[in-house]
Amino acid sequence: MDTKGNIYVSEILLNQIWVLSPDGSQRILIATKQNAPLDNNTSLVLKGDVLCTANLGFTHANPEEADRTVVCMKGFPLPK
């Protein structure tokens, strides 16, 4: 949850991250596999305006791709 009360949700099987307004009236898709290196994203951590997620990586369990284990992003849209 951020300082405005928005709730962040990780959808592990669809590779999506959503932000929901405090009253639930607005829902914004902020990240997908098409615009972020998501791979079965799980836990979310929000610090300031940076959101990080841990990737389980069912499809890339190779050591060469370890840099995709944690993904951070900022500048995503928020509910008004």
PDB file of N, CA and C in Angstrom:
ATOM      1  N   MET A   1       0.849  -1.164   0.000  1.00  0.00           N
ATOM      2  CA  MET A   1       0.000   0.000   0.000  1.00  0.00           C
ATOM      3  C   MET A   1       0.902   1.237   0.000  1.00  0.00           C
ATOM      4  N   ASP A   2       0.505   2.234  -0.776  1.00  0.00           N
ATOM      5  CA  ASP A   2       1.299   3.462  -0.799  1.00  0.00           C
ATOM      6  C   ASP A   2       0.693   4.504   0.143  1.00  0.00           C
ATOM      7  N   THR A   3       1.286   5.688   0.176  1.00  0.00           N
ATOM      8  CA  THR A   3       0.838   6.731   1.106  1.00  0.00           C
ATOM      9  C   THR A   3      -0.560   7.249   0.793  1.00  0.00           C
ATOM     10  N   LYS A   4      -1.040   7.040  -0.434  1.00  0.00           N
ATOM     11  CA  LYS A   4      -2.395   7.459  -0.809  1.00  0.00           C
ATOM     12  C   LYS A   4      -3.427   6.358  -0.569  1.00  0.00           C
ATOM     13  N   GLY A   5      -2.966   5.189  -0.115  1.00  0.00           N
ATOM     14  CA  GLY A   5      -3.876   4.090   0.160  1.00  0.00           C
ATOM     15  C   GLY A   5      -4.093   3.146  -1.003  1.00  0.00           C
ATOM     16  N   ASN A   6      -3.396   3.366  -2.123  1.00  0.00           N
ATOM     17  CA  ASN A   6      -3.508   2.454  -3.265  1.00  0.00           C
ATOM     18  C   ASN A   6      -2.910   1.099  -2.899  1.00  0.00           C
ATOM     19  N   ILE A   7      -3.526   0.046  -3.395  1.00  0.00           N
ATOM     20  CA  ILE A   7      -3.072  -1.315  -3.116  1.00  0.00           C
ATOM     21  C   ILE A   7      -2.473  -1.911  -4.388  1.00  0.00           C
ATOM     22  N   TYR A   8      -1.340  -2.576  -4.258  1.00  0.00           N
ATOM     23  CA  TYR A   8      -0.649  -3.181  -5.391  1.00  0.00           C
ATOM     24  C   TYR A   8      -0.846  -4.692  -5.343  1.00  0.00           C
ATOM     25  N   VAL A   9      -1.176  -5.266  -6.505  1.00  0.00           N
ATOM     26  CA  VAL A   9      -1.497  -6.685  -6.583  1.00  0.00           C
ATOM     27  C   VAL A   9      -0.654  -7.331  -7.676  1.00  0.00           C
ATOM     28  N   SER A  10      -0.043  -8.463  -7.345  1.00  0.00           N
ATOM     29  CA  SER A  10       0.738  -9.230  -8.297  1.00  0.00           C
ATOM     30  C   SER A  10      -0.074 -10.437  -8.745  1.00  0.00           C
ATOM     31  N   GLU A  11      -0.270 -10.571 -10.052  1.00  0.00           N
ATOM     32  CA  GLU A  11      -0.987 -11.720 -10.628  1.00  0.00           C
ATOM     33  C   GLU A  11       0.055 -12.653 -11.216  1.00  0.00           C
ATOM     34  N   ILE A  12       0.365 -13.705 -10.477  1.00  0.00           N
ATOM     35  CA  ILE A  12       1.494 -14.577 -10.799  1.00  0.00           C
ATOM     36  C   ILE A  12       1.330 -15.336 -12.116  1.00  0.00           C
ATOM     37  N   LEU A  13       0.162 -15.856 -12.395  1.00  0.00           N
ATOM     38  CA  LEU A  13      -0.013 -16.687 -13.591  1.00  0.00           C
ATOM     39  C   LEU A  13      -0.188 -15.876 -14.869  1.00  0.00           C
ATOM     40  N   LEU A  14      -0.686 -14.645 -14.747  1.00  0.00           N
ATOM     41  CA  LEU A  14      -0.871 -13.798 -15.930  1.00  0.00           C
ATOM     42  C   LEU A  14       0.298 -12.842 -16.151  1.00  0.00           C
ATOM     43  N   ASN A  15       1.294 -12.856 -15.243  1.00  0.00           N
ATOM     44  CA  ASN A  15       2.437 -11.941 -15.349  1.00  0.00           C
ATOM     45  C   ASN A  15       1.972 -10.498 -15.426  1.00  0.00           C
ATOM     46  N   GLN A  16       1.207 -10.080 -14.425  1.00  0.00           N
ATOM     47  CA  GLN A  16       0.660  -8.730 -14.388  1.00  0.00           C
ATOM     48  C   GLN A  16       0.823  -8.140 -12.989  1.00  0.00           C
ATOM     49  N   ILE A  17       0.912  -6.800 -12.952  1.00  0.00           N
ATOM     50  CA  ILE A  17       0.868  -6.067 -11.692  1.00  0.00           C
ATOM     51  C   ILE A  17      -0.196  -4.994 -11.844  1.00  0.00           C
ATOM     52  N   TRP A  18      -1.087  -4.935 -10.864  1.00  0.00           N
ATOM     53  CA  TRP A  18      -2.211  -4.001 -10.860  1.00  0.00           C
ATOM     54  C   TRP A  18      -2.086  -3.051  -9.672  1.00  0.00           C
ATOM     55  N   VAL A  19      -2.645  -1.857  -9.809  1.00  0.00           N
ATOM     56  CA  VAL A  19      -2.801  -0.951  -8.676  1.00  0.00           C
ATOM     57  C   VAL A  19      -4.291  -0.649  -8.553  1.00  0.00           C
ATOM     58  N   LEU A  20      -4.800  -0.744  -7.325  1.00  0.00           N
ATOM     59  CA  LEU A  20      -6.209  -0.506  -7.049  1.00  0.00           C
ATOM     60  C   LEU A  20      -6.343   0.711  -6.146  1.00  0.00           C
ATOM     61  N   SER A  21      -7.332   1.551  -6.451  1.00  0.00           N
ATOM     62  CA  SER A  21      -7.578   2.722  -5.616  1.00  0.00           C
ATOM     63  C   SER A  21      -8.092   2.269  -4.246  1.00  0.00           C
ATOM     64  N   PRO A  22      -7.977   3.127  -3.231  1.00  0.00           N
ATOM     65  CA  PRO A  22      -8.392   2.732  -1.880  1.00  0.00           C
ATOM     66  C   PRO A  22      -9.847   2.266  -1.784  1.00  0.00           C
ATOM     67  N   ASP A  23     -10.731   2.871  -2.565  1.00  0.00           N
ATOM     68  CA  ASP A  23     -12.147   2.472  -2.490  1.00  0.00           C
ATOM     69  C   ASP A  23     -12.497   1.371  -3.490  1.00  0.00           C
ATOM     70  N   GLY A  24     -11.513   0.932  -4.285  1.00  0.00           N
ATOM     71  CA  GLY A  24     -11.731  -0.142  -5.240  1.00  0.00           C
ATOM     72  C   GLY A  24     -12.433   0.265  -6.520  1.00  0.00           C
ATOM     73  N   SER A  25     -12.680   1.558  -6.694  1.00  0.00           N
ATOM     74  CA  SER A  25     -13.411   2.003  -7.887  1.00  0.00           C
ATOM     75  C   SER A  25     -12.532   2.096  -9.127  1.00  0.00           C
ATOM     76  N   GLN A  26     -11.218   2.156  -8.949  1.00  0.00           N
ATOM     77  CA  GLN A  26     -10.296   2.231 -10.076  1.00  0.00           C
ATOM     78  C   GLN A  26      -9.281   1.099  -9.986  1.00  0.00           C
ATOM     79  N   ARG A  27      -8.999   0.511 -11.129  1.00  0.00           N
ATOM     80  CA  ARG A  27      -8.019  -0.573 -11.225  1.00  0.00           C
ATOM     81  C   ARG A  27      -7.195  -0.316 -12.473  1.00  0.00           C
ATOM     82  N   ILE A  28      -5.885  -0.206 -12.311  1.00  0.00           N
ATOM     83  CA  ILE A  28      -5.004   0.110 -13.435  1.00  0.00           C
ATOM     84  C   ILE A  28      -3.950  -0.989 -13.568  1.00  0.00           C
ATOM     85  N   LEU A  29      -3.833  -1.522 -14.772  1.00  0.00           N
ATOM     86  CA  LEU A  29      -2.782  -2.483 -15.082  1.00  0.00           C
ATOM     87  C   LEU A  29      -1.501  -1.693 -15.331  1.00  0.00           C
ATOM     88  N   ILE A  30      -0.502  -1.870 -14.459  1.00  0.00           N
ATOM     89  CA  ILE A  30       0.716  -1.060 -14.582  1.00  0.00           C
ATOM     90  C   ILE A  30       1.894  -1.818 -15.169  1.00  0.00           C
ATOM     91  N   ALA A  31       1.840  -3.142 -15.175  1.00  0.00           N
ATOM     92  CA  ALA A  31       2.953  -3.901 -15.754  1.00  0.00           C
ATOM     93  C   ALA A  31       2.454  -5.246 -16.271  1.00  0.00           C
ATOM     94  N   THR A  32       2.992  -5.628 -17.429  1.00  0.00           N
ATOM     95  CA  THR A  32       2.707  -6.924 -18.036  1.00  0.00           C
ATOM     96  C   THR A  32       4.027  -7.487 -18.566  1.00  0.00           C
ATOM     97  N   LYS A  33       3.978  -8.667 -19.085  1.00  0.00           N
ATOM     98  CA  LYS A  33       5.187  -9.259 -19.674  1.00  0.00           C
ATOM     99  C   LYS A  33       5.613  -8.473 -20.922  1.00  0.00           C
ATOM    100  N   GLN A  34       4.699  -7.708 -21.506  1.00  0.00           N
ATOM    101  CA  GLN A  34       5.022  -6.936 -22.703  1.00  0.00           C
ATOM    102  C   GLN A  34       5.794  -5.651 -22.390  1.00  0.00           C
ATOM    103  N   ASN A  35       5.625  -5.082 -21.184  1.00  0.00           N
ATOM    104  CA  ASN A  35       6.314  -3.816 -20.892  1.00  0.00           C
ATOM    105  C   ASN A  35       7.293  -3.910 -19.718  1.00  0.00           C
ATOM    106  N   ALA A  36       7.453  -5.102 -19.141  1.00  0.00           N
ATOM    107  CA  ALA A  36       8.401  -5.297 -18.042  1.00  0.00           C
ATOM    108  C   ALA A  36       8.869  -6.760 -18.064  1.00  0.00           C
ATOM    109  N   PRO A  37      10.062  -7.014 -17.579  1.00  0.00           N
ATOM    110  CA  PRO A  37      10.562  -8.401 -17.600  1.00  0.00           C
ATOM    111  C   PRO A  37       9.960  -9.247 -16.474  1.00  0.00           C
ATOM    112  N   LEU A  38       8.648  -9.422 -16.519  1.00  0.00           N
ATOM    113  CA  LEU A  38       7.957 -10.222 -15.514  1.00  0.00           C
ATOM    114  C   LEU A  38       7.977 -11.686 -15.913  1.00  0.00           C
ATOM    115  N   ASP A  39       8.163 -12.543 -14.917  1.00  0.00           N
ATOM    116  CA  ASP A  39       8.166 -13.983 -15.163  1.00  0.00           C
ATOM    117  C   ASP A  39       7.670 -14.681 -13.902  1.00  0.00           C
ATOM    118  N   ASN A  40       6.360 -14.809 -13.803  1.00  0.00           N
ATOM    119  CA  ASN A  40       5.709 -15.370 -12.629  1.00  0.00           C
ATOM    120  C   ASN A  40       6.062 -14.560 -11.384  1.00  0.00           C
ATOM    121  N   ASN A  41       5.779 -13.258 -11.489  1.00  0.00           N
ATOM    122  CA  ASN A  41       6.048 -12.301 -10.419  1.00  0.00           C
ATOM    123  C   ASN A  41       5.245 -12.627  -9.162  1.00  0.00           C
ATOM    124  N   THR A  42       5.885 -12.472  -8.011  1.00  0.00           N
ATOM    125  CA  THR A  42       5.236 -12.822  -6.744  1.00  0.00           C
ATOM    126  C   THR A  42       5.199 -11.622  -5.815  1.00  0.00           C
ATOM    127  N   SER A  43       6.061 -11.595  -4.844  1.00  0.00           N
ATOM    128  CA  SER A  43       6.073 -10.560  -3.810  1.00  0.00           C
ATOM    129  C   SER A  43       6.306  -9.179  -4.407  1.00  0.00           C
ATOM    130  N   LEU A  44       5.695  -8.176  -3.780  1.00  0.00           N
ATOM    131  CA  LEU A  44       5.881  -6.793  -4.188  1.00  0.00           C
ATOM    132  C   LEU A  44       6.438  -5.992  -3.022  1.00  0.00           C
ATOM    133  N   VAL A  45       7.354  -5.075  -3.329  1.00  0.00           N
ATOM    134  CA  VAL A  45       7.885  -4.147  -2.332  1.00  0.00           C
ATOM    135  C   VAL A  45       7.821  -2.760  -2.951  1.00  0.00           C
ATOM    136  N   LEU A  46       7.222  -1.823  -2.232  1.00  0.00           N
ATOM    137  CA  LEU A  46       7.122  -0.434  -2.691  1.00  0.00           C
ATOM    138  C   LEU A  46       7.901   0.441  -1.731  1.00  0.00           C
ATOM    139  N   LYS A  47       8.856   1.198  -2.285  1.00  0.00           N
ATOM    140  CA  LYS A  47       9.609   2.161  -1.484  1.00  0.00           C
ATOM    141  C   LYS A  47       9.626   3.466  -2.253  1.00  0.00           C
ATOM    142  N   GLY A  48       8.930   4.447  -1.730  1.00  0.00           N
ATOM    143  CA  GLY A  48       8.790   5.713  -2.440  1.00  0.00           C
ATOM    144  C   GLY A  48       8.011   5.482  -3.719  1.00  0.00           C
ATOM    145  N   ASP A  49       8.611   5.841  -4.851  1.00  0.00           N
ATOM    146  CA  ASP A  49       7.935   5.634  -6.143  1.00  0.00           C
ATOM    147  C   ASP A  49       8.511   4.449  -6.921  1.00  0.00           C
ATOM    148  N   VAL A  50       9.284   3.601  -6.255  1.00  0.00           N
ATOM    149  CA  VAL A  50       9.878   2.429  -6.896  1.00  0.00           C
ATOM    150  C   VAL A  50       9.171   1.165  -6.399  1.00  0.00           C
ATOM    151  N   LEU A  51       8.675   0.375  -7.353  1.00  0.00           N
ATOM    152  CA  LEU A  51       7.999  -0.882  -7.054  1.00  0.00           C
ATOM    153  C   LEU A  51       8.870  -2.022  -7.555  1.00  0.00           C
ATOM    154  N   CYS A  52       9.161  -2.976  -6.671  1.00  0.00           N
ATOM    155  CA  CYS A  52       9.975  -4.136  -7.043  1.00  0.00           C
ATOM    156  C   CYS A  52       9.164  -5.406  -6.850  1.00  0.00           C
ATOM    157  N   THR A  53       9.446  -6.394  -7.689  1.00  0.00           N
ATOM    158  CA  THR A  53       8.797  -7.686  -7.579  1.00  0.00           C
ATOM    159  C   THR A  53       9.842  -8.791  -7.726  1.00  0.00           C
ATOM    160  N   ALA A  54       9.552  -9.913  -7.098  1.00  0.00           N
ATOM    161  CA  ALA A  54      10.405 -11.090  -7.245  1.00  0.00           C
ATOM    162  C   ALA A  54       9.784 -12.000  -8.291  1.00  0.00           C
ATOM    163  N   ASN A  55      10.588 -12.466  -9.221  1.00  0.00           N
ATOM    164  CA  ASN A  55      10.145 -13.401 -10.253  1.00  0.00           C
ATOM    165  C   ASN A  55      10.480 -14.830  -9.835  1.00  0.00           C
ATOM    166  N   LEU A  56       9.485 -15.704  -9.869  1.00  0.00           N
ATOM    167  CA  LEU A  56       9.772 -17.115  -9.625  1.00  0.00           C
ATOM    168  C   LEU A  56      10.501 -17.717 -10.806  1.00  0.00           C
ATOM    169  N   GLY A  57      10.166 -17.266 -12.010  1.00  0.00           N
ATOM    170  CA  GLY A  57      10.887 -17.686 -13.200  1.00  0.00           C
ATOM    171  C   GLY A  57      10.713 -19.131 -13.570  1.00  0.00           C
ATOM    172  N   PHE A  58       9.474 -19.590 -13.620  1.00  0.00           N
ATOM    173  CA  PHE A  58       9.228 -20.967 -14.032  1.00  0.00           C
ATOM    174  C   PHE A  58       9.870 -21.275 -15.380  1.00  0.00           C
ATOM    175  N   THR A  59      10.002 -20.253 -16.238  1.00  0.00           N
ATOM    176  CA  THR A  59      10.504 -20.489 -17.592  1.00  0.00           C
ATOM    177  C   THR A  59      11.976 -20.152 -17.762  1.00  0.00           C
ATOM    178  N   HIS A  60      12.630 -19.639 -16.727  1.00  0.00           N
ATOM    179  CA  HIS A  60      14.044 -19.266 -16.893  1.00  0.00           C
ATOM    180  C   HIS A  60      14.881 -19.600 -15.656  1.00  0.00           C
ATOM    181  N   ALA A  61      14.843 -20.797 -15.239  1.00  0.00           N
ATOM    182  CA  ALA A  61      15.570 -21.196 -14.037  1.00  0.00           C
ATOM    183  C   ALA A  61      17.059 -21.420 -14.302  1.00  0.00           C
ATOM    184  N   ASN A  62      17.618 -20.672 -15.232  1.00  0.00           N
ATOM    185  CA  ASN A  62      19.039 -20.794 -15.570  1.00  0.00           C
ATOM    186  C   ASN A  62      19.854 -19.742 -14.828  1.00  0.00           C
ATOM    187  N   PRO A  63      21.041 -20.080 -14.343  1.00  0.00           N
ATOM    188  CA  PRO A  63      21.883 -19.103 -13.653  1.00  0.00           C
ATOM    189  C   PRO A  63      22.213 -17.883 -14.513  1.00  0.00           C
ATOM    190  N   GLU A  64      22.270 -18.041 -15.833  1.00  0.00           N
ATOM    191  CA  GLU A  64      22.594 -16.915 -16.721  1.00  0.00           C
ATOM    192  C   GLU A  64      21.523 -15.827 -16.665  1.00  0.00           C
ATOM    193  N   GLU A  65      20.342 -16.164 -16.234  1.00  0.00           N
ATOM    194  CA  GLU A  65      19.242 -15.202 -16.201  1.00  0.00           C
ATOM    195  C   GLU A  65      18.915 -14.762 -14.783  1.00  0.00           C
ATOM    196  N   ALA A  66      19.853 -14.896 -13.878  1.00  0.00           N
ATOM    197  CA  ALA A  66      19.628 -14.533 -12.484  1.00  0.00           C
ATOM    198  C   ALA A  66      19.319 -13.048 -12.311  1.00  0.00           C
ATOM    199  N   ASP A  67      19.770 -12.205 -13.255  1.00  0.00           N
ATOM    200  CA  ASP A  67      19.497 -10.773 -13.156  1.00  0.00           C
ATOM    201  C   ASP A  67      18.015 -10.451 -13.332  1.00  0.00           C
ATOM    202  N   ARG A  68      17.203 -11.412 -13.741  1.00  0.00           N
ATOM    203  CA  ARG A  68      15.767 -11.197 -13.895  1.00  0.00           C
ATOM    204  C   ARG A  68      14.995 -11.647 -12.655  1.00  0.00           C
ATOM    205  N   THR A  69      15.702 -12.058 -11.593  1.00  0.00           N
ATOM    206  CA  THR A  69      15.039 -12.559 -10.401  1.00  0.00           C
ATOM    207  C   THR A  69      14.251 -11.456  -9.696  1.00  0.00           C
ATOM    208  N   VAL A  70      14.810 -10.260  -9.620  1.00  0.00           N
ATOM    209  CA  VAL A  70      14.128  -9.106  -9.032  1.00  0.00           C
ATOM    210  C   VAL A  70      14.041  -8.020 -10.090  1.00  0.00           C
ATOM    211  N   VAL A  71      12.842  -7.474 -10.248  1.00  0.00           N
ATOM    212  CA  VAL A  71      12.597  -6.426 -11.239  1.00  0.00           C
ATOM    213  C   VAL A  71      12.035  -5.214 -10.510  1.00  0.00           C
ATOM    214  N   CYS A  72      12.571  -4.037 -10.802  1.00  0.00           N
ATOM    215  CA  CYS A  72      12.079  -2.796 -10.204  1.00  0.00           C
ATOM    216  C   CYS A  72      11.630  -1.846 -11.302  1.00  0.00           C
ATOM    217  N   MET A  73      10.618  -1.049 -10.983  1.00  0.00           N
ATOM    218  CA  MET A  73      10.082  -0.103 -11.964  1.00  0.00           C
ATOM    219  C   MET A  73       9.573   1.133 -11.262  1.00  0.00           C
ATOM    220  N   LYS A  74       9.486   2.226 -12.014  1.00  0.00           N
ATOM    221  CA  LYS A  74       8.869   3.459 -11.511  1.00  0.00           C
ATOM    222  C   LYS A  74       8.303   4.230 -12.676  1.00  0.00           C
ATOM    223  N   GLY A  75       7.509   5.238 -12.374  1.00  0.00           N
ATOM    224  CA  GLY A  75       6.895   6.030 -13.429  1.00  0.00           C
ATOM    225  C   GLY A  75       5.615   5.439 -13.971  1.00  0.00           C
ATOM    226  N   PHE A  76       5.002   4.535 -13.245  1.00  0.00           N
ATOM    227  CA  PHE A  76       3.774   3.881 -13.690  1.00  0.00           C
ATOM    228  C   PHE A  76       2.557   4.740 -13.301  1.00  0.00           C
ATOM    229  N   PRO A  77       1.431   4.575 -13.999  1.00  0.00           N
ATOM    230  CA  PRO A  77       0.234   5.372 -13.692  1.00  0.00           C
ATOM    231  C   PRO A  77      -0.409   4.952 -12.373  1.00  0.00           C
ATOM    232  N   LEU A  78      -1.020   5.918 -11.705  1.00  0.00           N
ATOM    233  CA  LEU A  78      -1.715   5.663 -10.448  1.00  0.00           C
ATOM    234  C   LEU A  78      -3.170   6.138 -10.553  1.00  0.00           C
ATOM    235  N   PRO A  79      -4.050   5.573  -9.746  1.00  0.00           N
ATOM    236  CA  PRO A  79      -5.425   6.069  -9.742  1.00  0.00           C
ATOM    237  C   PRO A  79      -5.466   7.545  -9.343  1.00  0.00           C
ATOM    238  N   LYS A  80      -6.392   8.259  -9.871  1.00  0.00           N
ATOM    239  CA  LYS A  80      -6.529   9.697  -9.579  1.00  0.00           C
ATOM    240  C   LYS A  80      -7.268   9.907  -8.282  1.00  0.00           C
TER     241      LYS A  80
END
